[in-house]
């Protein structure tokens, strides 16, 4: 799923330095965002926001569902463009049909990673399948470094094996955790994993001290270190930790998504489905999409029109760094 807001907010983002980071857990609450028209699917967005724009190279995090497809109509996102990023699709329930201008025709299913690279330009569509009754998952974006943001289109699929932990289970879809390493290629060091914490358990994970981390809570009564993190919120920890502790205070299993990476040292601009480094980057990408240029290619098999780009804001889009820490 992509950013289909009809009036997308300007998202000016940049990585801070380790000196800016707090020692404790920072809570990033979610904002409710409708995608599309009157029966729009609604998502809970924790990245980007004013308090924090990125966690490592992770620059966008939407959490959605459980969504009754019979009531809402599910997901139906027409062909739309991307530049300067990788999209990470991860489901807890349901199924989504993916088509892109690379020629990929694939399905997003629970516990299976689909990662699409839209460097210089790619287009894709996403539609929940007819057999889907409940749609539930996360959509994540990774910013490409300036060195690689013009890279070629790519699509990768991976099914991580569950790894038993003392107090839970992990499915590592990007990077390395608990002895499991994903084979999926990224352009900066990253960590992405689904973690299940057993009822009443305290899960202690060895983590890379060069990474900052974010724990997005899907279900459960969860503490990150000793800080409560509500459902759909994200708990952030700064670089410097060698271990991360998650506690489930509830009587049912808790489920979270763990994101991590070294602080992203570049300023970026996010607007609609584009990531660039300047206002001109964004304006050029929008113009080429509207002109149906070869930059984004064609998505075959979607029974409908492409998604038109919204109008650019009146003001010039400029980058913004994460706020300095007090």
C-alpha atoms as a PDB file:
ATOM      1  CA  UNK A   1       0.000   0.000   0.000  1.00  0.00           C
ATOM      2  CA  UNK A   2       1.240   3.472  -0.833  1.00  0.00           C
ATOM      3  CA  UNK A   3       0.529   7.038   0.108  1.00  0.00           C
ATOM      4  CA  UNK A   4      -2.736   7.694  -1.773  1.00  0.00           C
ATOM      5  CA  UNK A   5      -3.738  10.779   0.196  1.00  0.00           C
ATOM      6  CA  UNK A   6      -5.340  13.249  -2.194  1.00  0.00           C
ATOM      7  CA  UNK A   7      -3.633  16.147  -0.397  1.00  0.00           C
ATOM      8  CA  UNK A   8      -0.397  14.677   0.921  1.00  0.00           C
ATOM      9  CA  UNK A   9       1.399  16.671   3.547  1.00  0.00           C
ATOM     10  CA  UNK A  10       4.906  17.813   2.781  1.00  0.00           C
ATOM     11  CA  UNK A  11       7.214  15.363   4.528  1.00  0.00           C
ATOM     12  CA  UNK A  12      10.622  16.949   4.909  1.00  0.00           C
ATOM     13  CA  UNK A  13      12.975  14.572   6.573  1.00  0.00           C
ATOM     14  CA  UNK A  14      16.569  14.149   7.619  1.00  0.00           C
ATOM     15  CA  UNK A  15      18.691  12.027   9.901  1.00  0.00           C
ATOM     16  CA  UNK A  16      20.128  13.513  13.061  1.00  0.00           C
ATOM     17  CA  UNK A  17      23.321  12.500  14.827  1.00  0.00           C
ATOM     18  CA  UNK A  18      23.823  10.127  17.700  1.00  0.00           C
ATOM     19  CA  UNK A  19      24.541  13.106  19.973  1.00  0.00           C
ATOM     20  CA  UNK A  20      20.958  14.269  19.393  1.00  0.00           C
ATOM     21  CA  UNK A  21      19.402  11.029  20.620  1.00  0.00           C
ATOM     22  CA  UNK A  22      17.721  10.544  23.993  1.00  0.00           C
ATOM     23  CA  UNK A  23      18.859   7.777  26.307  1.00  0.00           C
ATOM     24  CA  UNK A  24      15.335   6.585  27.141  1.00  0.00           C
ATOM     25  CA  UNK A  25      12.415   5.233  25.118  1.00  0.00           C
ATOM     26  CA  UNK A  26      10.616   7.850  23.044  1.00  0.00           C
ATOM     27  CA  UNK A  27       6.953   7.188  22.226  1.00  0.00           C
ATOM     28  CA  UNK A  28       5.750   8.042  18.717  1.00  0.00           C
ATOM     29  CA  UNK A  29       1.961   8.027  18.569  1.00  0.00           C
ATOM     30  CA  UNK A  30       0.074   7.190  15.383  1.00  0.00           C
ATOM     31  CA  UNK A  31      -2.132   9.536  13.371  1.00  0.00           C
ATOM     32  CA  UNK A  32      -5.187   8.275  11.533  1.00  0.00           C
ATOM     33  CA  UNK A  33      -4.920   8.700   7.746  1.00  0.00           C
ATOM     34  CA  UNK A  34      -7.666   7.895   5.207  1.00  0.00           C
ATOM     35  CA  UNK A  35      -6.470   6.537   1.875  1.00  0.00           C
ATOM     36  CA  UNK A  36      -8.781   7.356  -1.030  1.00  0.00           C
ATOM     37  CA  UNK A  37     -12.487   8.241  -1.113  1.00  0.00           C
ATOM     38  CA  UNK A  38     -15.553   7.988   1.176  1.00  0.00           C
ATOM     39  CA  UNK A  39     -15.092   4.249   1.857  1.00  0.00           C
ATOM     40  CA  UNK A  40     -11.382   4.765   2.240  1.00  0.00           C
ATOM     41  CA  UNK A  41      -9.264   2.278   4.073  1.00  0.00           C
ATOM     42  CA  UNK A  42      -7.775   3.988   7.127  1.00  0.00           C
ATOM     43  CA  UNK A  43      -4.228   3.487   8.351  1.00  0.00           C
ATOM     44  CA  UNK A  44      -2.320   4.484  11.478  1.00  0.00           C
ATOM     45  CA  UNK A  45       0.895   6.313  10.560  1.00  0.00           C
ATOM     46  CA  UNK A  46       3.851   6.579  12.933  1.00  0.00           C
ATOM     47  CA  UNK A  47       6.546   7.648  10.452  1.00  0.00           C
ATOM     48  CA  UNK A  48       7.241  10.326   9.410  1.00  0.00           C
ATOM     49  CA  UNK A  49       6.157  12.895  11.999  1.00  0.00           C
ATOM     50  CA  UNK A  50       7.498  16.067  13.549  1.00  0.00           C
ATOM     51  CA  UNK A  51       9.048  14.259  16.498  1.00  0.00           C
ATOM     52  CA  UNK A  52      11.004  11.874  14.262  1.00  0.00           C
ATOM     53  CA  UNK A  53      11.339  11.477  10.515  1.00  0.00           C
ATOM     54  CA  UNK A  54      13.396   8.307  10.198  1.00  0.00           C
ATOM     55  CA  UNK A  55      14.626   5.292  12.140  1.00  0.00           C
ATOM     56  CA  UNK A  56      17.750   4.254  10.303  1.00  0.00           C
ATOM     57  CA  UNK A  57      16.670   4.377   6.654  1.00  0.00           C
ATOM     58  CA  UNK A  58      13.073   3.468   7.586  1.00  0.00           C
ATOM     59  CA  UNK A  59      11.137   6.585   6.605  1.00  0.00           C
ATOM     60  CA  UNK A  60       7.466   5.554   6.448  1.00  0.00           C
ATOM     61  CA  UNK A  61       5.373   3.209   8.582  1.00  0.00           C
ATOM     62  CA  UNK A  62       1.645   2.540   8.158  1.00  0.00           C
ATOM     63  CA  UNK A  63      -0.201   0.022  10.333  1.00  0.00           C
ATOM     64  CA  UNK A  64      -3.667  -1.072   9.236  1.00  0.00           C
ATOM     65  CA  UNK A  65      -6.429  -3.461  10.246  1.00  0.00           C
ATOM     66  CA  UNK A  66      -7.844  -5.793  11.277  1.00  0.00           C
ATOM     67  CA  UNK A  67     -10.064  -4.455   8.463  1.00  0.00           C
ATOM     68  CA  UNK A  68     -13.388  -6.102   7.560  1.00  0.00           C
ATOM     69  CA  UNK A  69     -13.117  -6.108   3.773  1.00  0.00           C
ATOM     70  CA  UNK A  70     -16.875  -6.745   3.361  1.00  0.00           C
ATOM     71  CA  UNK A  71     -17.559  -3.478   5.182  1.00  0.00           C
ATOM     72  CA  UNK A  72     -14.775  -1.260   3.820  1.00  0.00           C
ATOM     73  CA  UNK A  73     -14.144  -2.673   0.358  1.00  0.00           C
ATOM     74  CA  UNK A  74     -10.560  -3.557   1.244  1.00  0.00           C
ATOM     75  CA  UNK A  75      -7.553  -2.307  -0.701  1.00  0.00           C
ATOM     76  CA  UNK A  76      -7.703  -1.180  -4.308  1.00  0.00           C
ATOM     77  CA  UNK A  77      -4.780   1.077  -5.147  1.00  0.00           C
ATOM     78  CA  UNK A  78      -4.439   1.806  -8.905  1.00  0.00           C
ATOM     79  CA  UNK A  79      -1.036   1.977 -10.620  1.00  0.00           C
ATOM     80  CA  UNK A  80       1.021   4.727  -9.009  1.00  0.00           C
ATOM     81  CA  UNK A  81       4.705   5.728  -9.070  1.00  0.00           C
ATOM     82  CA  UNK A  82       7.665   5.584  -6.680  1.00  0.00           C
ATOM     83  CA  UNK A  83      11.169   7.070  -6.725  1.00  0.00           C
ATOM     84  CA  UNK A  84      14.128   6.908  -4.351  1.00  0.00           C
ATOM     85  CA  UNK A  85      12.855   4.156  -2.051  1.00  0.00           C
ATOM     86  CA  UNK A  86      12.141   0.513  -1.354  1.00  0.00           C
ATOM     87  CA  UNK A  87       8.649  -0.620  -0.286  1.00  0.00           C
ATOM     88  CA  UNK A  88       8.293  -3.373   2.309  1.00  0.00           C
ATOM     89  CA  UNK A  89       4.935  -5.170   2.495  1.00  0.00           C
ATOM     90  CA  UNK A  90       4.179  -7.450   5.472  1.00  0.00           C
ATOM     91  CA  UNK A  91       0.798  -8.959   6.350  1.00  0.00           C
ATOM     92  CA  UNK A  92      -0.669 -10.548   9.468  1.00  0.00           C
ATOM     93  CA  UNK A  93      -3.862 -11.654   7.676  1.00  0.00           C
ATOM     94  CA  UNK A  94      -5.427 -11.377   4.222  1.00  0.00           C
ATOM     95  CA  UNK A  95      -3.849 -11.366   0.781  1.00  0.00           C
ATOM     96  CA  UNK A  96      -2.870  -8.595  -1.657  1.00  0.00           C
ATOM     97  CA  UNK A  97      -2.232  -8.938  -5.386  1.00  0.00           C
ATOM     98  CA  UNK A  98       0.816  -6.970  -6.555  1.00  0.00           C
ATOM     99  CA  UNK A  99       1.618  -5.961 -10.146  1.00  0.00           C
ATOM    100  CA  UNK A 100       4.459  -3.661 -11.193  1.00  0.00           C
ATOM    101  CA  UNK A 101       6.126  -2.162 -14.250  1.00  0.00           C
ATOM    102  CA  UNK A 102       9.052  -4.563 -13.911  1.00  0.00           C
ATOM    103  CA  UNK A 103       6.554  -7.253 -14.926  1.00  0.00           C
ATOM    104  CA  UNK A 104       6.211  -8.767 -11.447  1.00  0.00           C
ATOM    105  CA  UNK A 105       2.875 -10.379 -10.600  1.00  0.00           C
ATOM    106  CA  UNK A 106       2.975 -11.612  -7.020  1.00  0.00           C
ATOM    107  CA  UNK A 107       0.926 -11.979  -3.859  1.00  0.00           C
ATOM    108  CA  UNK A 108       1.552 -10.552  -0.415  1.00  0.00           C
ATOM    109  CA  UNK A 109       0.624 -13.193   2.179  1.00  0.00           C
ATOM    110  CA  UNK A 110       1.000 -13.396   5.973  1.00  0.00           C
ATOM    111  CA  UNK A 111       4.570 -14.073   7.031  1.00  0.00           C
ATOM    112  CA  UNK A 112       5.966 -13.454   3.542  1.00  0.00           C
ATOM    113  CA  UNK A 113       8.037 -10.421   2.575  1.00  0.00           C
ATOM    114  CA  UNK A 114       7.603  -8.533  -0.684  1.00  0.00           C
ATOM    115  CA  UNK A 115      10.239  -5.850  -1.231  1.00  0.00           C
ATOM    116  CA  UNK A 116      10.080  -3.602  -4.301  1.00  0.00           C
ATOM    117  CA  UNK A 117      12.855  -1.226  -5.300  1.00  0.00           C
ATOM    118  CA  UNK A 118      11.758   1.972  -7.004  1.00  0.00           C
ATOM    119  CA  UNK A 119      15.022   3.848  -7.458  1.00  0.00           C
ATOM    120  CA  UNK A 120      14.893   5.952 -10.625  1.00  0.00           C
ATOM    121  CA  UNK A 121      11.250   5.021 -11.096  1.00  0.00           C
ATOM    122  CA  UNK A 122       8.726   2.202 -10.858  1.00  0.00           C
ATOM    123  CA  UNK A 123       4.935   1.878 -10.852  1.00  0.00           C
ATOM    124  CA  UNK A 124       2.728  -0.732  -9.179  1.00  0.00           C
ATOM    125  CA  UNK A 125      -0.821  -1.577  -8.137  1.00  0.00           C
ATOM    126  CA  UNK A 126      -2.106  -3.286  -4.971  1.00  0.00           C
ATOM    127  CA  UNK A 127      -5.496  -4.979  -4.640  1.00  0.00           C
ATOM    128  CA  UNK A 128      -6.808  -7.205  -1.846  1.00  0.00           C
ATOM    129  CA  UNK A 129      -7.924 -10.552  -3.292  1.00  0.00           C
ATOM    130  CA  UNK A 130     -11.566 -11.745  -3.444  1.00  0.00           C
ATOM    131  CA  UNK A 131     -10.929 -14.439  -0.826  1.00  0.00           C
ATOM    132  CA  UNK A 132      -9.683 -11.888   1.721  1.00  0.00           C
ATOM    133  CA  UNK A 133     -12.082 -11.276   4.615  1.00  0.00           C
ATOM    134  CA  UNK A 134      -9.810  -9.537   7.148  1.00  0.00           C
ATOM    135  CA  UNK A 135      -6.912  -7.352   5.998  1.00  0.00           C
ATOM    136  CA  UNK A 136      -4.238  -6.607   8.600  1.00  0.00           C
ATOM    137  CA  UNK A 137      -0.594  -5.653   8.266  1.00  0.00           C
ATOM    138  CA  UNK A 138       2.041  -2.969   7.843  1.00  0.00           C
ATOM    139  CA  UNK A 139       3.417  -1.042   4.888  1.00  0.00           C
ATOM    140  CA  UNK A 140       6.941   0.326   5.291  1.00  0.00           C
ATOM    141  CA  UNK A 141       9.289   2.407   3.173  1.00  0.00           C
ATOM    142  CA  UNK A 142      13.088   2.524   3.166  1.00  0.00           C
ATOM    143  CA  UNK A 143      14.881   5.617   1.857  1.00  0.00           C
ATOM    144  CA  UNK A 144      17.640   4.907  -0.641  1.00  0.00           C
ATOM    145  CA  UNK A 145      20.947   6.666  -0.079  1.00  0.00           C
ATOM    146  CA  UNK A 146      21.936   9.355  -2.571  1.00  0.00           C
ATOM    147  CA  UNK A 147      24.466   6.950  -4.074  1.00  0.00           C
ATOM    148  CA  UNK A 148      21.753   4.413  -4.887  1.00  0.00           C
ATOM    149  CA  UNK A 149      18.554   6.397  -5.337  1.00  0.00           C
ATOM    150  CA  UNK A 150      18.792   6.154  -9.129  1.00  0.00           C
ATOM    151  CA  UNK A 151      19.120   2.363  -9.083  1.00  0.00           C
ATOM    152  CA  UNK A 152      17.164   0.065 -11.387  1.00  0.00           C
ATOM    153  CA  UNK A 153      13.765  -1.445 -10.625  1.00  0.00           C
ATOM    154  CA  UNK A 154      13.770  -4.653  -8.617  1.00  0.00           C
ATOM    155  CA  UNK A 155      11.399  -7.003  -6.801  1.00  0.00           C
ATOM    156  CA  UNK A 156      12.269  -9.595  -4.129  1.00  0.00           C
ATOM    157  CA  UNK A 157      10.185 -12.163  -2.262  1.00  0.00           C
ATOM    158  CA  UNK A 158      11.246 -14.010   0.874  1.00  0.00           C
ATOM    159  CA  UNK A 159       9.567 -16.314   3.401  1.00  0.00           C
ATOM    160  CA  UNK A 160      11.525 -16.168   6.691  1.00  0.00           C
ATOM    161  CA  UNK A 161      11.469 -19.207   8.948  1.00  0.00           C
ATOM    162  CA  UNK A 162      10.277 -18.620  12.515  1.00  0.00           C
ATOM    163  CA  UNK A 163      13.081 -18.542  15.090  1.00  0.00           C
ATOM    164  CA  UNK A 164      12.304 -19.720  18.631  1.00  0.00           C
ATOM    165  CA  UNK A 165      13.371 -17.287  21.357  1.00  0.00           C
ATOM    166  CA  UNK A 166      13.413 -17.507  25.127  1.00  0.00           C
ATOM    167  CA  UNK A 167      10.003 -15.927  25.629  1.00  0.00           C
ATOM    168  CA  UNK A 168       8.765 -15.677  22.079  1.00  0.00           C
ATOM    169  CA  UNK A 169       9.439 -16.039  18.371  1.00  0.00           C
ATOM    170  CA  UNK A 170      10.984 -13.955  15.570  1.00  0.00           C
ATOM    171  CA  UNK A 171      10.526 -13.818  11.810  1.00  0.00           C
ATOM    172  CA  UNK A 172      13.467 -11.828  10.448  1.00  0.00           C
ATOM    173  CA  UNK A 173      12.540 -10.378   7.072  1.00  0.00           C
ATOM    174  CA  UNK A 174      15.470  -7.929   6.756  1.00  0.00           C
ATOM    175  CA  UNK A 175      18.913  -7.937   8.319  1.00  0.00           C
ATOM    176  CA  UNK A 176      20.117 -10.142  11.167  1.00  0.00           C
ATOM    177  CA  UNK A 177      18.635 -10.952  14.569  1.00  0.00           C
ATOM    178  CA  UNK A 178      18.865 -13.907  16.964  1.00  0.00           C
ATOM    179  CA  UNK A 179      21.140 -15.821  14.597  1.00  0.00           C
ATOM    180  CA  UNK A 180      18.803 -15.494  11.600  1.00  0.00           C
ATOM    181  CA  UNK A 181      19.808 -13.493   8.526  1.00  0.00           C
ATOM    182  CA  UNK A 182      17.531 -12.480   5.663  1.00  0.00           C
ATOM    183  CA  UNK A 183      18.966 -12.888   2.135  1.00  0.00           C
ATOM    184  CA  UNK A 184      17.001  -9.868   0.872  1.00  0.00           C
ATOM    185  CA  UNK A 185      19.235  -7.140  -0.561  1.00  0.00           C
ATOM    186  CA  UNK A 186      19.125  -3.599   0.844  1.00  0.00           C
ATOM    187  CA  UNK A 187      21.327  -0.589   0.188  1.00  0.00           C
ATOM    188  CA  UNK A 188      22.012   0.386   3.811  1.00  0.00           C
ATOM    189  CA  UNK A 189      22.210  -1.836   6.922  1.00  0.00           C
ATOM    190  CA  UNK A 190      18.678  -2.548   8.164  1.00  0.00           C
ATOM    191  CA  UNK A 191      16.759  -4.705  10.601  1.00  0.00           C
ATOM    192  CA  UNK A 192      13.136  -5.723  10.135  1.00  0.00           C
ATOM    193  CA  UNK A 193      11.405  -8.498  12.096  1.00  0.00           C
ATOM    194  CA  UNK A 194       8.040  -9.609  13.378  1.00  0.00           C
ATOM    195  CA  UNK A 195       8.333 -10.498  17.078  1.00  0.00           C
ATOM    196  CA  UNK A 196       5.811 -12.487  19.099  1.00  0.00           C
ATOM    197  CA  UNK A 197       6.187 -12.247  22.877  1.00  0.00           C
ATOM    198  CA  UNK A 198       4.593 -14.990  24.964  1.00  0.00           C
ATOM    199  CA  UNK A 199       2.063 -14.110  27.692  1.00  0.00           C
ATOM    200  CA  UNK A 200       3.840 -12.795  30.771  1.00  0.00           C
ATOM    201  CA  UNK A 201       7.257 -13.176  29.130  1.00  0.00           C
ATOM    202  CA  UNK A 202      10.260 -10.879  29.162  1.00  0.00           C
ATOM    203  CA  UNK A 203      12.165 -11.062  25.870  1.00  0.00           C
ATOM    204  CA  UNK A 204      15.772  -9.825  25.793  1.00  0.00           C
ATOM    205  CA  UNK A 205      17.304  -9.358  22.346  1.00  0.00           C
ATOM    206  CA  UNK A 206      20.961  -8.764  21.503  1.00  0.00           C
ATOM    207  CA  UNK A 207      21.041  -5.803  19.089  1.00  0.00           C
ATOM    208  CA  UNK A 208      23.658  -3.837  17.171  1.00  0.00           C
ATOM    209  CA  UNK A 209      24.717  -0.803  19.257  1.00  0.00           C
ATOM    210  CA  UNK A 210      25.269   1.202  16.057  1.00  0.00           C
ATOM    211  CA  UNK A 211      21.537   0.922  15.293  1.00  0.00           C
ATOM    212  CA  UNK A 212      18.614   2.975  16.465  1.00  0.00           C
ATOM    213  CA  UNK A 213      15.453   0.903  16.864  1.00  0.00           C
ATOM    214  CA  UNK A 214      11.702   1.253  16.721  1.00  0.00           C
ATOM    215  CA  UNK A 215       9.151  -1.195  18.141  1.00  0.00           C
ATOM    216  CA  UNK A 216       5.700  -0.896  16.548  1.00  0.00           C
ATOM    217  CA  UNK A 217       3.046  -2.630  18.665  1.00  0.00           C
ATOM    218  CA  UNK A 218       0.353  -4.536  16.804  1.00  0.00           C
ATOM    219  CA  UNK A 219      -1.256  -6.421  19.708  1.00  0.00           C
ATOM    220  CA  UNK A 220      -0.636  -6.874  23.419  1.00  0.00           C
ATOM    221  CA  UNK A 221       0.227  -5.037  26.633  1.00  0.00           C
ATOM    222  CA  UNK A 222       3.862  -4.272  25.804  1.00  0.00           C
ATOM    223  CA  UNK A 223       6.743  -2.599  27.610  1.00  0.00           C
ATOM    224  CA  UNK A 224       9.810  -1.517  25.617  1.00  0.00           C
ATOM    225  CA  UNK A 225      12.490  -1.529  28.313  1.00  0.00           C
ATOM    226  CA  UNK A 226      10.265  -0.281  31.175  1.00  0.00           C
ATOM    227  CA  UNK A 227       8.099   2.034  29.074  1.00  0.00           C
ATOM    228  CA  UNK A 228       4.525   1.095  28.066  1.00  0.00           C
ATOM    229  CA  UNK A 229       3.849   1.334  24.328  1.00  0.00           C
ATOM    230  CA  UNK A 230       0.192   1.319  23.303  1.00  0.00           C
ATOM    231  CA  UNK A 231      -1.214  -0.539  20.326  1.00  0.00           C
ATOM    232  CA  UNK A 232      -0.298   1.160  17.000  1.00  0.00           C
ATOM    233  CA  UNK A 233       2.296   3.368  18.717  1.00  0.00           C
ATOM    234  CA  UNK A 234       6.028   3.042  18.180  1.00  0.00           C
ATOM    235  CA  UNK A 235       8.702   3.009  20.869  1.00  0.00           C
ATOM    236  CA  UNK A 236      12.050   4.465  19.757  1.00  0.00           C
ATOM    237  CA  UNK A 237      15.469   3.753  21.267  1.00  0.00           C
ATOM    238  CA  UNK A 238      18.699   5.539  20.358  1.00  0.00           C
ATOM    239  CA  UNK A 239      21.974   3.939  19.268  1.00  0.00           C
ATOM    240  CA  UNK A 240      24.242   2.648  22.012  1.00  0.00           C
ATOM    241  CA  UNK A 241      22.192  -0.273  23.333  1.00  0.00           C
ATOM    242  CA  UNK A 242      23.563  -3.792  23.082  1.00  0.00           C
ATOM    243  CA  UNK A 243      20.266  -5.319  24.219  1.00  0.00           C
ATOM    244  CA  UNK A 244      16.590  -4.501  23.826  1.00  0.00           C
ATOM    245  CA  UNK A 245      13.988  -5.784  26.273  1.00  0.00           C
ATOM    246  CA  UNK A 246      10.316  -6.366  25.457  1.00  0.00           C
ATOM    247  CA  UNK A 247       7.846  -7.428  28.141  1.00  0.00           C
ATOM    248  CA  UNK A 248       4.327  -8.712  27.577  1.00  0.00           C
ATOM    249  CA  UNK A 249       2.207  -7.937  30.641  1.00  0.00           C
ATOM    250  CA  UNK A 250      -0.920  -9.493  29.128  1.00  0.00           C
ATOM    251  CA  UNK A 251      -2.442 -12.964  29.174  1.00  0.00           C
ATOM    252  CA  UNK A 252      -2.368 -13.305  25.360  1.00  0.00           C
ATOM    253  CA  UNK A 253       0.610 -13.302  22.982  1.00  0.00           C
ATOM    254  CA  UNK A 254       1.836  -9.842  21.960  1.00  0.00           C
ATOM    255  CA  UNK A 255       2.925  -9.046  18.418  1.00  0.00           C
ATOM    256  CA  UNK A 256       5.300  -6.268  17.387  1.00  0.00           C
ATOM    257  CA  UNK A 257       7.349  -5.146  14.402  1.00  0.00           C
ATOM    258  CA  UNK A 258      10.994  -4.315  15.155  1.00  0.00           C
ATOM    259  CA  UNK A 259      12.753  -1.843  12.854  1.00  0.00           C
ATOM    260  CA  UNK A 260      16.373  -0.772  13.048  1.00  0.00           C
ATOM    261  CA  UNK A 261      19.368   0.721  11.291  1.00  0.00           C
ATOM    262  CA  UNK A 262      22.232   3.169  11.778  1.00  0.00           C
ATOM    263  CA  UNK A 263      21.096   6.825  11.754  1.00  0.00           C
ATOM    264  CA  UNK A 264      20.506   7.939   8.159  1.00  0.00           C
ATOM    265  CA  UNK A 265      22.895  10.835   7.625  1.00  0.00           C
ATOM    266  CA  UNK A 266      21.221  12.395   4.575  1.00  0.00           C
ATOM    267  CA  UNK A 267      18.421  14.905   4.248  1.00  0.00           C
ATOM    268  CA  UNK A 268      15.527  13.698   2.143  1.00  0.00           C
ATOM    269  CA  UNK A 269      12.244  15.102   0.902  1.00  0.00           C
ATOM    270  CA  UNK A 270       9.144  12.907   0.855  1.00  0.00           C
ATOM    271  CA  UNK A 271       6.087  14.066  -1.048  1.00  0.00           C
ATOM    272  CA  UNK A 272       3.247  11.802  -2.172  1.00  0.00           C
ATOM    273  CA  UNK A 273       5.041   8.613  -3.360  1.00  0.00           C
ATOM    274  CA  UNK A 274       8.346  10.264  -4.240  1.00  0.00           C
ATOM    275  CA  UNK A 275      11.585  10.635  -2.292  1.00  0.00           C
ATOM    276  CA  UNK A 276      14.134  13.142  -3.562  1.00  0.00           C
ATOM    277  CA  UNK A 277      16.721  15.631  -2.376  1.00  0.00           C
ATOM    278  CA  UNK A 278      15.237  18.844  -3.758  1.00  0.00           C
ATOM    279  CA  UNK A 279      11.978  20.463  -4.789  1.00  0.00           C
ATOM    280  CA  UNK A 280      13.103  20.053  -8.395  1.00  0.00           C
ATOM    281  CA  UNK A 281      13.501  16.283  -7.934  1.00  0.00           C
ATOM    282  CA  UNK A 282       9.893  16.009  -6.787  1.00  0.00           C
ATOM    283  CA  UNK A 283       8.485  18.341  -9.437  1.00  0.00           C
ATOM    284  CA  UNK A 284      10.313  16.491 -12.215  1.00  0.00           C
ATOM    285  CA  UNK A 285       9.100  13.082 -11.028  1.00  0.00           C
ATOM    286  CA  UNK A 286       5.517  14.338 -10.803  1.00  0.00           C
ATOM    287  CA  UNK A 287       5.658  15.827 -14.289  1.00  0.00           C
ATOM    288  CA  UNK A 288       7.044  12.622 -15.789  1.00  0.00           C
ATOM    289  CA  UNK A 289       4.339  10.555 -14.113  1.00  0.00           C
ATOM    290  CA  UNK A 290       1.610  12.850 -15.399  1.00  0.00           C
ATOM    291  CA  UNK A 291       3.097  12.634 -18.930  1.00  0.00           C
ATOM    292  CA  UNK A 292       3.234   8.797 -18.686  1.00  0.00           C
ATOM    293  CA  UNK A 293       6.945   8.809 -19.484  1.00  0.00           C
ATOM    294  CA  UNK A 294       9.041   5.658 -19.793  1.00  0.00           C
ATOM    295  CA  UNK A 295      10.661   6.496 -16.445  1.00  0.00           C
ATOM    296  CA  UNK A 296       7.930   4.627 -14.556  1.00  0.00           C
ATOM    297  CA  UNK A 297       6.898   2.062 -17.161  1.00  0.00           C
ATOM    298  CA  UNK A 298       3.494   0.428 -17.458  1.00  0.00           C
ATOM    299  CA  UNK A 299       1.581  -1.855 -15.106  1.00  0.00           C
ATOM    300  CA  UNK A 300      -0.174  -4.588 -17.096  1.00  0.00           C
ATOM    301  CA  UNK A 301      -3.228  -6.450 -15.849  1.00  0.00           C
ATOM    302  CA  UNK A 302      -4.845  -3.807 -13.619  1.00  0.00           C
ATOM    303  CA  UNK A 303      -8.490  -3.245 -14.728  1.00  0.00           C
ATOM    304  CA  UNK A 304      -8.592   0.529 -14.437  1.00  0.00           C
ATOM    305  CA  UNK A 305      -6.806   3.849 -14.850  1.00  0.00           C
ATOM    306  CA  UNK A 306      -3.583   5.049 -13.304  1.00  0.00           C
ATOM    307  CA  UNK A 307      -3.677   7.149 -10.141  1.00  0.00           C
ATOM    308  CA  UNK A 308      -3.214  10.838 -11.010  1.00  0.00           C
ATOM    309  CA  UNK A 309      -0.671  12.844  -9.024  1.00  0.00           C
ATOM    310  CA  UNK A 310      -1.996  15.532  -6.672  1.00  0.00           C
ATOM    311  CA  UNK A 311      -1.053  19.166  -7.243  1.00  0.00           C
ATOM    312  CA  UNK A 312       2.252  20.339  -5.821  1.00  0.00           C
ATOM    313  CA  UNK A 313       2.059  22.641  -2.789  1.00  0.00           C
ATOM    314  CA  UNK A 314       2.265  26.375  -3.445  1.00  0.00           C
ATOM    315  CA  UNK A 315       5.356  26.721  -1.302  1.00  0.00           C
ATOM    316  CA  UNK A 316       8.739  25.341  -2.237  1.00  0.00           C
ATOM    317  CA  UNK A 317       9.418  21.939  -0.645  1.00  0.00           C
ATOM    318  CA  UNK A 318      12.563  21.961   1.493  1.00  0.00           C
ATOM    319  CA  UNK A 319      14.299  19.335   3.655  1.00  0.00           C
ATOM    320  CA  UNK A 320      14.044  19.336   7.434  1.00  0.00           C
ATOM    321  CA  UNK A 321      16.181  17.564  10.027  1.00  0.00           C
ATOM    322  CA  UNK A 322      14.945  15.714  13.082  1.00  0.00           C
ATOM    323  CA  UNK A 323      14.485  18.107  16.034  1.00  0.00           C
ATOM    324  CA  UNK A 324      17.452  18.423  18.393  1.00  0.00           C
ATOM    325  CA  UNK A 325      17.087  16.545  21.678  1.00  0.00           C
ATOM    326  CA  UNK A 326      16.725  18.368  24.971  1.00  0.00           C
END
